[in-house]
PDB file of N, CA and C in Angstrom:
ATOM      1  N   UNK A   1       4.907 -23.283  39.684  1.00  0.00           N
ATOM      2  CA  UNK A   1       3.593 -22.794  39.326  1.00  0.00           C
ATOM      3  C   UNK A   1       3.623 -21.303  38.965  1.00  0.00           C
ATOM      4  N   UNK A   2       4.503 -20.554  39.621  1.00  0.00           N
ATOM      5  CA  UNK A   2       4.607 -19.128  39.325  1.00  0.00           C
ATOM      6  C   UNK A   2       5.053 -18.888  37.885  1.00  0.00           C
ATOM      7  N   UNK A   3       5.889 -19.784  37.370  1.00  0.00           N
ATOM      8  CA  UNK A   3       6.340 -19.644  35.987  1.00  0.00           C
ATOM      9  C   UNK A   3       5.163 -19.818  35.029  1.00  0.00           C
ATOM     10  N   UNK A   4       4.290 -20.782  35.317  1.00  0.00           N
ATOM     11  CA  UNK A   4       3.117 -20.997  34.467  1.00  0.00           C
ATOM     12  C   UNK A   4       2.171 -19.801  34.515  1.00  0.00           C
ATOM     13  N   UNK A   5       1.987 -19.244  35.699  1.00  0.00           N
ATOM     14  CA  UNK A   5       1.113 -18.082  35.831  1.00  0.00           C
ATOM     15  C   UNK A   5       1.680 -16.874  35.098  1.00  0.00           C
ATOM     16  N   UNK A   6       2.974 -16.681  35.212  1.00  0.00           N
ATOM     17  CA  UNK A   6       3.617 -15.576  34.499  1.00  0.00           C
ATOM     18  C   UNK A   6       3.529 -15.802  32.997  1.00  0.00           C
ATOM     19  N   UNK A   7       3.727 -17.034  32.566  1.00  0.00           N
ATOM     20  CA  UNK A   7       3.600 -17.370  31.148  1.00  0.00           C
ATOM     21  C   UNK A   7       2.198 -17.122  30.640  1.00  0.00           C
ATOM     22  N   UNK A   8       1.207 -17.426  31.464  1.00  0.00           N
ATOM     23  CA  UNK A   8      -0.178 -17.196  31.075  1.00  0.00           C
ATOM     24  C   UNK A   8      -0.456 -15.704  30.905  1.00  0.00           C
ATOM     25  N   UNK A   9       0.105 -14.882  31.788  1.00  0.00           N
ATOM     26  CA  UNK A   9      -0.055 -13.434  31.644  1.00  0.00           C
ATOM     27  C   UNK A   9       0.647 -12.934  30.377  1.00  0.00           C
ATOM     28  N   UNK A  10       1.783 -13.529  30.057  1.00  0.00           N
ATOM     29  CA  UNK A  10       2.493 -13.160  28.829  1.00  0.00           C
ATOM     30  C   UNK A  10       1.664 -13.528  27.600  1.00  0.00           C
ATOM     31  N   UNK A  11       1.036 -14.696  27.642  1.00  0.00           N
ATOM     32  CA  UNK A  11       0.165 -15.106  26.537  1.00  0.00           C
ATOM     33  C   UNK A  11      -0.995 -14.129  26.410  1.00  0.00           C
ATOM     34  N   UNK A  12      -1.527 -13.705  27.534  1.00  0.00           N
ATOM     35  CA  UNK A  12      -2.633 -12.745  27.509  1.00  0.00           C
ATOM     36  C   UNK A  12      -2.202 -11.445  26.822  1.00  0.00           C
ATOM     37  N   UNK A  13      -1.034 -10.949  27.199  1.00  0.00           N
ATOM     38  CA  UNK A  13      -0.526  -9.725  26.587  1.00  0.00           C
ATOM     39  C   UNK A  13      -0.335  -9.915  25.082  1.00  0.00           C
ATOM     40  N   UNK A  14       0.212 -11.047  24.704  1.00  0.00           N
ATOM     41  CA  UNK A  14       0.429 -11.318  23.281  1.00  0.00           C
ATOM     42  C   UNK A  14      -0.882 -11.442  22.506  1.00  0.00           C
ATOM     43  N   UNK A  15      -1.921 -11.986  23.141  1.00  0.00           N
ATOM     44  CA  UNK A  15      -3.222 -12.062  22.454  1.00  0.00           C
ATOM     45  C   UNK A  15      -3.804 -10.665  22.257  1.00  0.00           C
ATOM     46  N   UNK A  16      -3.587  -9.786  23.229  1.00  0.00           N
ATOM     47  CA  UNK A  16      -4.091  -8.413  23.091  1.00  0.00           C
ATOM     48  C   UNK A  16      -3.376  -7.692  21.952  1.00  0.00           C
ATOM     49  N   UNK A  17      -2.054  -7.822  21.888  1.00  0.00           N
ATOM     50  CA  UNK A  17      -1.292  -7.202  20.807  1.00  0.00           C
ATOM     51  C   UNK A  17      -1.673  -7.832  19.464  1.00  0.00           C
ATOM     52  N   UNK A  18      -1.817  -9.157  19.456  1.00  0.00           N
ATOM     53  CA  UNK A  18      -2.190  -9.855  18.219  1.00  0.00           C
ATOM     54  C   UNK A  18      -3.574  -9.432  17.743  1.00  0.00           C
ATOM     55  N   UNK A  19      -4.470  -9.166  18.673  1.00  0.00           N
ATOM     56  CA  UNK A  19      -5.813  -8.712  18.297  1.00  0.00           C
ATOM     57  C   UNK A  19      -5.733  -7.375  17.564  1.00  0.00           C
ATOM     58  N   UNK A  20      -4.906  -6.468  18.050  1.00  0.00           N
ATOM     59  CA  UNK A  20      -4.742  -5.178  17.369  1.00  0.00           C
ATOM     60  C   UNK A  20      -4.149  -5.368  15.975  1.00  0.00           C
ATOM     61  N   UNK A  21      -3.178  -6.256  15.869  1.00  0.00           N
ATOM     62  CA  UNK A  21      -2.572  -6.536  14.568  1.00  0.00           C
ATOM     63  C   UNK A  21      -3.584  -7.159  13.612  1.00  0.00           C
ATOM     64  N   UNK A  22      -4.407  -8.075  14.114  1.00  0.00           N
ATOM     65  CA  UNK A  22      -5.413  -8.722  13.267  1.00  0.00           C
ATOM     66  C   UNK A  22      -6.439  -7.705  12.773  1.00  0.00           C
ATOM     67  N   UNK A  23      -6.849  -6.795  13.643  1.00  0.00           N
ATOM     68  CA  UNK A  23      -7.805  -5.767  13.226  1.00  0.00           C
ATOM     69  C   UNK A  23      -7.196  -4.851  12.171  1.00  0.00           C
ATOM     70  N   UNK A  24      -5.936  -4.484  12.363  1.00  0.00           N
ATOM     71  CA  UNK A  24      -5.263  -3.657  11.379  1.00  0.00           C
ATOM     72  C   UNK A  24      -5.088  -4.366  10.047  1.00  0.00           C
ATOM     73  N   UNK A  25      -4.718  -5.636  10.110  1.00  0.00           N
ATOM     74  CA  UNK A  25      -4.554  -6.427   8.893  1.00  0.00           C
ATOM     75  C   UNK A  25      -5.865  -6.486   8.119  1.00  0.00           C
ATOM     76  N   UNK A  26      -6.950  -6.745   8.836  1.00  0.00           N
ATOM     77  CA  UNK A  26      -8.262  -6.795   8.180  1.00  0.00           C
ATOM     78  C   UNK A  26      -8.572  -5.469   7.498  1.00  0.00           C
ATOM     79  N   UNK A  27      -8.309  -4.369   8.202  1.00  0.00           N
ATOM     80  CA  UNK A  27      -8.609  -3.060   7.641  1.00  0.00           C
ATOM     81  C   UNK A  27      -7.865  -2.781   6.356  1.00  0.00           C
ATOM     82  N   UNK A  28      -6.624  -3.232   6.288  1.00  0.00           N
ATOM     83  CA  UNK A  28      -5.844  -3.004   5.083  1.00  0.00           C
ATOM     84  C   UNK A  28      -6.161  -4.004   3.979  1.00  0.00           C
ATOM     85  N   UNK A  29      -6.895  -5.070   4.298  1.00  0.00           N
ATOM     86  CA  UNK A  29      -7.279  -6.062   3.293  1.00  0.00           C
ATOM     87  C   UNK A  29      -8.589  -5.721   2.597  1.00  0.00           C
ATOM     88  N   UNK A  30      -9.300  -4.740   3.113  1.00  0.00           N
ATOM     89  CA  UNK A  30     -10.561  -4.325   2.494  1.00  0.00           C
ATOM     90  C   UNK A  30     -10.276  -3.831   1.082  1.00  0.00           C
ATOM     91  N   UNK A  31     -11.096  -4.257   0.139  1.00  0.00           N
ATOM     92  CA  UNK A  31     -10.865  -3.879  -1.255  1.00  0.00           C
ATOM     93  C   UNK A  31     -11.614  -2.593  -1.585  1.00  0.00           C
ATOM     94  N   UNK A  32     -11.222  -1.560  -0.906  1.00  0.00           N
ATOM     95  CA  UNK A  32     -11.764  -0.216  -1.159  1.00  0.00           C
ATOM     96  C   UNK A  32     -10.587   0.698  -1.433  1.00  0.00           C
ATOM     97  N   UNK A  33     -10.836   1.976  -1.469  1.00  0.00           N
ATOM     98  CA  UNK A  33      -9.777   2.946  -1.744  1.00  0.00           C
ATOM     99  C   UNK A  33      -8.772   3.044  -0.605  1.00  0.00           C
ATOM    100  N   UNK A  34      -7.698   3.745  -0.881  1.00  0.00           N
ATOM    101  CA  UNK A  34      -6.632   3.911   0.096  1.00  0.00           C
ATOM    102  C   UNK A  34      -7.121   4.605   1.363  1.00  0.00           C
ATOM    103  N   UNK A  35      -7.993   5.590   1.210  1.00  0.00           N
ATOM    104  CA  UNK A  35      -8.501   6.313   2.384  1.00  0.00           C
ATOM    105  C   UNK A  35      -9.262   5.370   3.314  1.00  0.00           C
ATOM    106  N   UNK A  36     -10.080   4.504   2.768  1.00  0.00           N
ATOM    107  CA  UNK A  36     -10.834   3.546   3.581  1.00  0.00           C
ATOM    108  C   UNK A  36      -9.879   2.573   4.263  1.00  0.00           C
ATOM    109  N   UNK A  37      -8.885   2.111   3.532  1.00  0.00           N
ATOM    110  CA  UNK A  37      -7.898   1.199   4.114  1.00  0.00           C
ATOM    111  C   UNK A  37      -7.165   1.852   5.275  1.00  0.00           C
ATOM    112  N   UNK A  38      -6.791   3.104   5.121  1.00  0.00           N
ATOM    113  CA  UNK A  38      -6.094   3.801   6.198  1.00  0.00           C
ATOM    114  C   UNK A  38      -6.991   3.999   7.415  1.00  0.00           C
ATOM    115  N   UNK A  39      -8.235   4.394   7.162  1.00  0.00           N
ATOM    116  CA  UNK A  39      -9.166   4.604   8.283  1.00  0.00           C
ATOM    117  C   UNK A  39      -9.412   3.297   9.029  1.00  0.00           C
ATOM    118  N   UNK A  40      -9.661   2.230   8.294  1.00  0.00           N
ATOM    119  CA  UNK A  40      -9.937   0.949   8.943  1.00  0.00           C
ATOM    120  C   UNK A  40      -8.674   0.295   9.494  1.00  0.00           C
ATOM    121  N   UNK A  41      -7.606   0.338   8.729  1.00  0.00           N
ATOM    122  CA  UNK A  41      -6.371  -0.338   9.125  1.00  0.00           C
ATOM    123  C   UNK A  41      -5.667   0.306  10.304  1.00  0.00           C
ATOM    124  N   UNK A  42      -5.833   1.604  10.455  1.00  0.00           N
ATOM    125  CA  UNK A  42      -5.219   2.302  11.586  1.00  0.00           C
ATOM    126  C   UNK A  42      -6.273   2.689  12.618  1.00  0.00           C
ATOM    127  N   UNK A  43      -7.420   3.149  12.149  1.00  0.00           N
ATOM    128  CA  UNK A  43      -8.458   3.648  13.052  1.00  0.00           C
ATOM    129  C   UNK A  43      -9.090   2.593  13.939  1.00  0.00           C
ATOM    130  N   UNK A  44      -9.417   1.441  13.378  1.00  0.00           N
ATOM    131  CA  UNK A  44     -10.066   0.387  14.166  1.00  0.00           C
ATOM    132  C   UNK A  44      -9.141  -0.134  15.273  1.00  0.00           C
ATOM    133  N   UNK A  45      -7.879  -0.473  14.977  1.00  0.00           N
ATOM    134  CA  UNK A  45      -7.002  -0.914  16.074  1.00  0.00           C
ATOM    135  C   UNK A  45      -6.769   0.190  17.115  1.00  0.00           C
ATOM    136  N   UNK A  46      -6.673   1.427  16.651  1.00  0.00           N
ATOM    137  CA  UNK A  46      -6.482   2.536  17.587  1.00  0.00           C
ATOM    138  C   UNK A  46      -7.691   2.692  18.496  1.00  0.00           C
ATOM    139  N   UNK A  47      -8.880   2.604  17.938  1.00  0.00           N
ATOM    140  CA  UNK A  47     -10.100   2.681  18.735  1.00  0.00           C
ATOM    141  C   UNK A  47     -10.167   1.525  19.734  1.00  0.00           C
ATOM    142  N   UNK A  48      -9.829   0.334  19.290  1.00  0.00           N
ATOM    143  CA  UNK A  48      -9.835  -0.831  20.186  1.00  0.00           C
ATOM    144  C   UNK A  48      -8.832  -0.650  21.320  1.00  0.00           C
ATOM    145  N   UNK A  49      -7.641  -0.114  21.002  1.00  0.00           N
ATOM    146  CA  UNK A  49      -6.619   0.105  22.027  1.00  0.00           C
ATOM    147  C   UNK A  49      -7.066   1.140  23.049  1.00  0.00           C
ATOM    148  N   UNK A  50      -7.718   2.193  22.583  1.00  0.00           N
ATOM    149  CA  UNK A  50      -8.203   3.225  23.501  1.00  0.00           C
ATOM    150  C   UNK A  50      -9.296   2.665  24.403  1.00  0.00           C
ATOM    151  N   UNK A  51     -10.209   1.923  23.836  1.00  0.00           N
ATOM    152  CA  UNK A  51     -11.290   1.326  24.637  1.00  0.00           C
ATOM    153  C   UNK A  51     -10.706   0.354  25.656  1.00  0.00           C
ATOM    154  N   UNK A  52      -9.788  -0.507  25.215  1.00  0.00           N
ATOM    155  CA  UNK A  52      -9.183  -1.479  26.125  1.00  0.00           C
ATOM    156  C   UNK A  52      -8.381  -0.773  27.223  1.00  0.00           C
ATOM    157  N   UNK A  53      -7.615   0.222  26.838  1.00  0.00           N
ATOM    158  CA  UNK A  53      -6.810   0.948  27.803  1.00  0.00           C
ATOM    159  C   UNK A  53      -7.643   1.719  28.811  1.00  0.00           C
ATOM    160  N   UNK A  54      -8.807   2.165  28.393  1.00  0.00           N
ATOM    161  CA  UNK A  54      -9.678   2.938  29.279  1.00  0.00           C
ATOM    162  C   UNK A  54     -10.510   2.061  30.200  1.00  0.00           C
ATOM    163  N   UNK A  55     -10.956   0.916  29.708  1.00  0.00           N
ATOM    164  CA  UNK A  55     -11.899   0.115  30.473  1.00  0.00           C
ATOM    165  C   UNK A  55     -11.443  -1.307  30.806  1.00  0.00           C
ATOM    166  N   UNK A  56     -10.491  -1.869  30.065  1.00  0.00           N
ATOM    167  CA  UNK A  56     -10.197  -3.282  30.233  1.00  0.00           C
ATOM    168  C   UNK A  56      -8.832  -3.637  30.774  1.00  0.00           C
ATOM    169  N   UNK A  57      -7.857  -2.779  30.580  1.00  0.00           N
ATOM    170  CA  UNK A  57      -6.499  -3.138  30.984  1.00  0.00           C
ATOM    171  C   UNK A  57      -6.360  -3.122  32.510  1.00  0.00           C
ATOM    172  N   UNK A  58      -5.333  -3.787  33.027  1.00  0.00           N
ATOM    173  CA  UNK A  58      -5.127  -3.783  34.480  1.00  0.00           C
ATOM    174  C   UNK A  58      -4.923  -2.385  35.056  1.00  0.00           C
ATOM    175  N   UNK A  59      -4.402  -1.450  34.266  1.00  0.00           N
ATOM    176  CA  UNK A  59      -4.173  -0.087  34.745  1.00  0.00           C
ATOM    177  C   UNK A  59      -5.243   0.885  34.234  1.00  0.00           C
ATOM    178  N   UNK A  60      -6.404   0.380  33.854  1.00  0.00           N
ATOM    179  CA  UNK A  60      -7.459   1.218  33.286  1.00  0.00           C
ATOM    180  C   UNK A  60      -7.952   2.244  34.304  1.00  0.00           C
ATOM    181  N   UNK A  61      -8.162   3.486  33.861  1.00  0.00           N
ATOM    182  CA  UNK A  61      -8.693   4.491  34.780  1.00  0.00           C
ATOM    183  C   UNK A  61     -10.144   4.237  35.168  1.00  0.00           C
ATOM    184  N   UNK A  62     -10.890   3.574  34.317  1.00  0.00           N
ATOM    185  CA  UNK A  62     -12.288   3.234  34.588  1.00  0.00           C
ATOM    186  C   UNK A  62     -12.485   1.734  34.367  1.00  0.00           C
ATOM    187  N   UNK A  63     -11.938   0.904  35.244  1.00  0.00           N
ATOM    188  CA  UNK A  63     -11.984  -0.544  35.001  1.00  0.00           C
ATOM    189  C   UNK A  63     -13.392  -1.116  35.128  1.00  0.00           C
ATOM    190  N   UNK A  64     -13.716  -1.974  34.192  1.00  0.00           N
ATOM    191  CA  UNK A  64     -14.975  -2.705  34.248  1.00  0.00           C
ATOM    192  C   UNK A  64     -14.737  -4.009  34.996  1.00  0.00           C
ATOM    193  N   UNK A  65     -15.787  -4.528  35.597  1.00  0.00           N
ATOM    194  CA  UNK A  65     -15.665  -5.775  36.351  1.00  0.00           C
ATOM    195  C   UNK A  65     -16.804  -6.718  35.993  1.00  0.00           C
ATOM    196  N   UNK A  66     -16.597  -7.963  36.316  1.00  0.00           N
ATOM    197  CA  UNK A  66     -17.630  -8.977  36.164  1.00  0.00           C
ATOM    198  C   UNK A  66     -18.017  -9.235  34.729  1.00  0.00           C
ATOM    199  N   UNK A  67     -19.318  -9.386  34.528  1.00  0.00           N
ATOM    200  CA  UNK A  67     -19.841  -9.753  33.213  1.00  0.00           C
ATOM    201  C   UNK A  67     -19.639  -8.646  32.174  1.00  0.00           C
ATOM    202  N   UNK A  68     -19.631  -7.403  32.611  1.00  0.00           N
ATOM    203  CA  UNK A  68     -19.423  -6.303  31.667  1.00  0.00           C
ATOM    204  C   UNK A  68     -18.000  -6.356  31.098  1.00  0.00           C
ATOM    205  N   UNK A  69     -17.030  -6.652  31.964  1.00  0.00           N
ATOM    206  CA  UNK A  69     -15.652  -6.780  31.486  1.00  0.00           C
ATOM    207  C   UNK A  69     -15.520  -7.985  30.562  1.00  0.00           C
ATOM    208  N   UNK A  70     -16.161  -9.082  30.917  1.00  0.00           N
ATOM    209  CA  UNK A  70     -16.135 -10.276  30.070  1.00  0.00           C
ATOM    210  C   UNK A  70     -16.744  -9.976  28.702  1.00  0.00           C
ATOM    211  N   UNK A  71     -17.815  -9.196  28.686  1.00  0.00           N
ATOM    212  CA  UNK A  71     -18.440  -8.804  27.424  1.00  0.00           C
ATOM    213  C   UNK A  71     -17.490  -7.940  26.592  1.00  0.00           C
ATOM    214  N   UNK A  72     -16.787  -7.013  27.247  1.00  0.00           N
ATOM    215  CA  UNK A  72     -15.806  -6.189  26.536  1.00  0.00           C
ATOM    216  C   UNK A  72     -14.707  -7.052  25.930  1.00  0.00           C
ATOM    217  N   UNK A  73     -14.187  -8.005  26.698  1.00  0.00           N
ATOM    218  CA  UNK A  73     -13.164  -8.911  26.192  1.00  0.00           C
ATOM    219  C   UNK A  73     -13.692  -9.710  25.010  1.00  0.00           C
ATOM    220  N   UNK A  74     -14.909 -10.192  25.134  1.00  0.00           N
ATOM    221  CA  UNK A  74     -15.523 -10.989  24.071  1.00  0.00           C
ATOM    222  C   UNK A  74     -15.649 -10.164  22.794  1.00  0.00           C
ATOM    223  N   UNK A  75     -16.072  -8.915  22.924  1.00  0.00           N
ATOM    224  CA  UNK A  75     -16.252  -8.063  21.750  1.00  0.00           C
ATOM    225  C   UNK A  75     -14.911  -7.736  21.104  1.00  0.00           C
ATOM    226  N   UNK A  76     -13.945  -7.304  21.902  1.00  0.00           N
ATOM    227  CA  UNK A  76     -12.666  -6.890  21.325  1.00  0.00           C
ATOM    228  C   UNK A  76     -11.864  -8.066  20.777  1.00  0.00           C
ATOM    229  N   UNK A  77     -11.721  -9.109  21.571  1.00  0.00           N
ATOM    230  CA  UNK A  77     -10.938 -10.254  21.102  1.00  0.00           C
ATOM    231  C   UNK A  77     -11.714 -11.058  20.052  1.00  0.00           C
ATOM    232  N   UNK A  78     -13.008 -11.142  20.230  1.00  0.00           N
ATOM    233  CA  UNK A  78     -13.834 -11.834  19.242  1.00  0.00           C
ATOM    234  C   UNK A  78     -13.835 -11.134  17.888  1.00  0.00           C
ATOM    235  N   UNK A  79     -13.789  -9.797  17.915  1.00  0.00           N
ATOM    236  CA  UNK A  79     -13.730  -9.068  16.649  1.00  0.00           C
ATOM    237  C   UNK A  79     -12.412  -9.341  15.925  1.00  0.00           C
ATOM    238  N   UNK A  80     -11.348  -9.577  16.674  1.00  0.00           N
ATOM    239  CA  UNK A  80     -10.065  -9.923  16.051  1.00  0.00           C
ATOM    240  C   UNK A  80     -10.138 -11.302  15.403  1.00  0.00           C
ATOM    241  N   UNK A  81     -10.817 -12.235  16.062  1.00  0.00           N
ATOM    242  CA  UNK A  81     -11.001 -13.561  15.474  1.00  0.00           C
ATOM    243  C   UNK A  81     -11.803 -13.437  14.183  1.00  0.00           C
ATOM    244  N   UNK A  82     -12.865 -12.653  14.220  1.00  0.00           N
ATOM    245  CA  UNK A  82     -13.670 -12.447  13.010  1.00  0.00           C
ATOM    246  C   UNK A  82     -12.867 -11.739  11.924  1.00  0.00           C
ATOM    247  N   UNK A  83     -12.019 -10.806  12.321  1.00  0.00           N
ATOM    248  CA  UNK A  83     -11.185 -10.106  11.343  1.00  0.00           C
ATOM    249  C   UNK A  83     -10.273 -11.087  10.610  1.00  0.00           C
ATOM    250  N   UNK A  84      -9.691 -12.008  11.353  1.00  0.00           N
ATOM    251  CA  UNK A  84      -8.857 -13.030  10.717  1.00  0.00           C
ATOM    252  C   UNK A  84      -9.695 -13.908   9.793  1.00  0.00           C
ATOM    253  N   UNK A  85     -10.858 -14.292  10.258  1.00  0.00           N
ATOM    254  CA  UNK A  85     -11.747 -15.146   9.467  1.00  0.00           C
ATOM    255  C   UNK A  85     -12.109 -14.470   8.136  1.00  0.00           C
ATOM    256  N   UNK A  86     -12.538 -13.209   8.218  1.00  0.00           N
ATOM    257  CA  UNK A  86     -12.961 -12.507   7.006  1.00  0.00           C
ATOM    258  C   UNK A  86     -11.791 -12.050   6.144  1.00  0.00           C
ATOM    259  N   UNK A  87     -10.591 -12.155   6.661  1.00  0.00           N
ATOM    260  CA  UNK A  87      -9.400 -11.878   5.852  1.00  0.00           C
ATOM    261  C   UNK A  87      -8.928 -13.123   5.117  1.00  0.00           C
ATOM    262  N   UNK A  88      -9.657 -14.227   5.294  1.00  0.00           N
ATOM    263  CA  UNK A  88      -9.311 -15.458   4.594  1.00  0.00           C
ATOM    264  C   UNK A  88      -8.389 -16.376   5.363  1.00  0.00           C
ATOM    265  N   UNK A  89      -8.218 -16.144   6.647  1.00  0.00           N
ATOM    266  CA  UNK A  89      -7.332 -16.973   7.469  1.00  0.00           C
ATOM    267  C   UNK A  89      -8.159 -17.739   8.510  1.00  0.00           C
ATOM    268  N   UNK A  90      -8.985 -18.638   8.024  1.00  0.00           N
ATOM    269  CA  UNK A  90      -9.912 -19.343   8.909  1.00  0.00           C
ATOM    270  C   UNK A  90      -9.194 -20.237   9.924  1.00  0.00           C
ATOM    271  N   UNK A  91      -8.139 -20.896   9.519  1.00  0.00           N
ATOM    272  CA  UNK A  91      -7.404 -21.763  10.454  1.00  0.00           C
ATOM    273  C   UNK A  91      -6.750 -20.918  11.540  1.00  0.00           C
ATOM    274  N   UNK A  92      -6.134 -19.835  11.146  1.00  0.00           N
ATOM    275  CA  UNK A  92      -5.514 -18.934  12.117  1.00  0.00           C
ATOM    276  C   UNK A  92      -6.564 -18.347  13.060  1.00  0.00           C
ATOM    277  N   UNK A  93      -7.729 -18.016  12.533  1.00  0.00           N
ATOM    278  CA  UNK A  93      -8.815 -17.493  13.362  1.00  0.00           C
ATOM    279  C   UNK A  93      -9.235 -18.532  14.401  1.00  0.00           C
ATOM    280  N   UNK A  94      -9.355 -19.788  13.980  1.00  0.00           N
ATOM    281  CA  UNK A  94      -9.742 -20.854  14.900  1.00  0.00           C
ATOM    282  C   UNK A  94      -8.686 -21.034  15.989  1.00  0.00           C
ATOM    283  N   UNK A  95      -7.419 -21.068  15.597  1.00  0.00           N
ATOM    284  CA  UNK A  95      -6.323 -21.250  16.561  1.00  0.00           C
ATOM    285  C   UNK A  95      -6.271 -20.076  17.527  1.00  0.00           C
ATOM    286  N   UNK A  96      -6.400 -18.875  17.010  1.00  0.00           N
ATOM    287  CA  UNK A  96      -6.364 -17.684  17.851  1.00  0.00           C
ATOM    288  C   UNK A  96      -7.523 -17.691  18.849  1.00  0.00           C
ATOM    289  N   UNK A  97      -8.706 -18.030  18.384  1.00  0.00           N
ATOM    290  CA  UNK A  97      -9.857 -18.117  19.280  1.00  0.00           C
ATOM    291  C   UNK A  97      -9.664 -19.181  20.351  1.00  0.00           C
ATOM    292  N   UNK A  98      -9.089 -20.303  19.979  1.00  0.00           N
ATOM    293  CA  UNK A  98      -8.820 -21.381  20.929  1.00  0.00           C
ATOM    294  C   UNK A  98      -7.833 -20.919  21.999  1.00  0.00           C
ATOM    295  N   UNK A  99      -6.772 -20.233  21.575  1.00  0.00           N
ATOM    296  CA  UNK A  99      -5.773 -19.728  22.532  1.00  0.00           C
ATOM    297  C   UNK A  99      -6.418 -18.726  23.493  1.00  0.00           C
ATOM    298  N   UNK A 100      -7.268 -17.867  22.970  1.00  0.00           N
ATOM    299  CA  UNK A 100      -7.949 -16.881  23.823  1.00  0.00           C
ATOM    300  C   UNK A 100      -8.800 -17.576  24.878  1.00  0.00           C
ATOM    301  N   UNK A 101      -9.548 -18.589  24.481  1.00  0.00           N
ATOM    302  CA  UNK A 101     -10.433 -19.298  25.418  1.00  0.00           C
ATOM    303  C   UNK A 101      -9.627 -20.040  26.477  1.00  0.00           C
ATOM    304  N   UNK A 102      -8.598 -20.761  26.068  1.00  0.00           N
ATOM    305  CA  UNK A 102      -7.767 -21.495  27.028  1.00  0.00           C
ATOM    306  C   UNK A 102      -7.092 -20.531  27.988  1.00  0.00           C
ATOM    307  N   UNK A 103      -6.573 -19.431  27.461  1.00  0.00           N
ATOM    308  CA  UNK A 103      -5.932 -18.429  28.300  1.00  0.00           C
ATOM    309  C   UNK A 103      -6.909 -17.860  29.324  1.00  0.00           C
ATOM    310  N   UNK A 104      -8.116 -17.567  28.890  1.00  0.00           N
ATOM    311  CA  UNK A 104      -9.131 -17.008  29.806  1.00  0.00           C
ATOM    312  C   UNK A 104      -9.495 -18.025  30.885  1.00  0.00           C
ATOM    313  N   UNK A 105      -9.586 -19.285  30.525  1.00  0.00           N
ATOM    314  CA  UNK A 105      -9.896 -20.323  31.515  1.00  0.00           C
ATOM    315  C   UNK A 105      -8.804 -20.407  32.585  1.00  0.00           C
ATOM    316  N   UNK A 106      -7.542 -20.347  32.144  1.00  0.00           N
ATOM    317  CA  UNK A 106      -6.436 -20.362  33.111  1.00  0.00           C
ATOM    318  C   UNK A 106      -6.438 -19.095  33.963  1.00  0.00           C
ATOM    319  N   UNK A 107      -6.739 -17.958  33.359  1.00  0.00           N
ATOM    320  CA  UNK A 107      -6.800 -16.714  34.130  1.00  0.00           C
ATOM    321  C   UNK A 107      -7.881 -16.801  35.197  1.00  0.00           C
ATOM    322  N   UNK A 108      -9.004 -17.367  34.857  1.00  0.00           N
ATOM    323  CA  UNK A 108     -10.089 -17.521  35.821  1.00  0.00           C
ATOM    324  C   UNK A 108      -9.683 -18.504  36.935  1.00  0.00           C
ATOM    325  N   UNK A 109      -9.113 -19.622  36.533  1.00  0.00           N
ATOM    326  CA  UNK A 109      -8.722 -20.649  37.512  1.00  0.00           C
ATOM    327  C   UNK A 109      -7.654 -20.142  38.486  1.00  0.00           C
ATOM    328  N   UNK A 110      -6.748 -19.298  37.988  1.00  0.00           N
ATOM    329  CA  UNK A 110      -5.646 -18.808  38.823  1.00  0.00           C
ATOM    330  C   UNK A 110      -5.928 -17.429  39.412  1.00  0.00           C
ATOM    331  N   UNK A 111      -7.125 -16.895  39.180  1.00  0.00           N
ATOM    332  CA  UNK A 111      -7.469 -15.599  39.748  1.00  0.00           C
ATOM    333  C   UNK A 111      -6.637 -14.443  39.239  1.00  0.00           C
ATOM    334  N   UNK A 112      -6.291 -14.489  37.973  1.00  0.00           N
ATOM    335  CA  UNK A 112      -5.433 -13.431  37.399  1.00  0.00           C
ATOM    336  C   UNK A 112      -6.256 -12.301  36.859  1.00  0.00           C
TER     337      UNK A 112
END
């Protein structure tokens, strides 16, 4: 059982990294000038990482708890799903969202 729990935490970490990549990909797919692409493609994932690191990560200096933390997760990870969707990868967005939900259910069930 410990292997499954560790695997679930690894999946969680990979979803967080994938969310940053999806946000960056979306930013660079915007059909605007290079400056806008750079701001969105680098700035949005950087902002998400700072917010997550400050309030959501296990080592966050100001950790949120309960429904507020769940809302933060929903906004950050959900925005990555939307980023994939609006980048034209609807199937990938659906799969990514499904993995996030299943992972969260296991985290809740195992108290992670």
